[in-house]
Amino acid sequence: MKSEAGYDAPIESYKDGRKVYYRYSDPEFSILKTPLNPAELT
């Protein structure tokens, strides 16, 4: 999720004790809604 490819995903993290959780800061965001670029089509 936090890779360089990243899909421009709005990622936020929050801690709960010693654990860290990641989620989209925009609950409506989905990488499946992102259109493919020309390089991904081939």
C-alpha atoms as a PDB file:
ATOM      1  CA  MET A   1       0.000   0.000   0.000  1.00  0.00           C
ATOM      2  CA  LYS A   2       2.818   2.370   0.708  1.00  0.00           C
ATOM      3  CA  SER A   3       4.959   1.234  -2.231  1.00  0.00           C
ATOM      4  CA  GLU A   4       6.328   3.583  -4.843  1.00  0.00           C
ATOM      5  CA  ALA A   5       3.638   2.392  -7.272  1.00  0.00           C
ATOM      6  CA  GLY A   6       1.182   3.346  -4.559  1.00  0.00           C
ATOM      7  CA  TYR A   7      -1.744   4.061  -6.890  1.00  0.00           C
ATOM      8  CA  ASP A   8      -1.892   7.535  -5.261  1.00  0.00           C
ATOM      9  CA  ALA A   9      -3.813   5.887  -2.458  1.00  0.00           C
ATOM     10  CA  PRO A  10      -4.704   8.149   0.472  1.00  0.00           C
ATOM     11  CA  ILE A  11      -3.145   6.000   3.218  1.00  0.00           C
ATOM     12  CA  GLU A  12      -3.224   6.796   6.913  1.00  0.00           C
ATOM     13  CA  SER A  13      -1.853   4.829   9.827  1.00  0.00           C
ATOM     14  CA  TYR A  14      -2.952   4.676  13.417  1.00  0.00           C
ATOM     15  CA  LYS A  15      -1.547   2.959  16.472  1.00  0.00           C
ATOM     16  CA  ASP A  16      -3.430   0.797  18.921  1.00  0.00           C
ATOM     17  CA  GLY A  17      -0.966  -0.022  21.658  1.00  0.00           C
ATOM     18  CA  ARG A  18       2.019  -1.683  19.991  1.00  0.00           C
ATOM     19  CA  LYS A  19       0.144  -2.451  16.762  1.00  0.00           C
ATOM     20  CA  VAL A  20      -0.037  -0.152  13.743  1.00  0.00           C
ATOM     21  CA  TYR A  21      -2.965  -0.338  11.344  1.00  0.00           C
ATOM     22  CA  TYR A  22      -3.200   1.117   7.842  1.00  0.00           C
ATOM     23  CA  ARG A  23      -6.338   2.189   6.057  1.00  0.00           C
ATOM     24  CA  TYR A  24      -7.532   4.529   3.352  1.00  0.00           C
ATOM     25  CA  SER A  25      -8.204   7.998   4.731  1.00  0.00           C
ATOM     26  CA  ASP A  26     -10.995   8.255   2.122  1.00  0.00           C
ATOM     27  CA  PRO A  27     -13.466   5.382   2.692  1.00  0.00           C
ATOM     28  CA  GLU A  28     -14.743   5.749  -0.897  1.00  0.00           C
ATOM     29  CA  PHE A  29     -11.282   5.162  -2.424  1.00  0.00           C
ATOM     30  CA  SER A  30     -10.576   1.915  -4.270  1.00  0.00           C
ATOM     31  CA  ILE A  31      -7.636   1.014  -6.491  1.00  0.00           C
ATOM     32  CA  LEU A  32     -10.145  -0.915  -8.590  1.00  0.00           C
ATOM     33  CA  LYS A  33     -11.738   2.393  -9.641  1.00  0.00           C
ATOM     34  CA  THR A  34      -8.419   3.715 -10.984  1.00  0.00           C
ATOM     35  CA  PRO A  35      -8.145   3.510 -14.796  1.00  0.00           C
ATOM     36  CA  LEU A  36      -5.217   1.641 -16.323  1.00  0.00           C
ATOM     37  CA  ASN A  37      -2.425   3.624 -17.932  1.00  0.00           C
ATOM     38  CA  PRO A  38      -1.074   2.730 -21.427  1.00  0.00           C
ATOM     39  CA  ALA A  39       1.847   0.692 -20.018  1.00  0.00           C
ATOM     40  CA  GLU A  40      -0.542  -1.443 -17.958  1.00  0.00           C
ATOM     41  CA  LEU A  41      -2.731  -2.167 -20.987  1.00  0.00           C
ATOM     42  CA  THR A  42       0.031  -4.063 -22.820  1.00  0.00           C
END
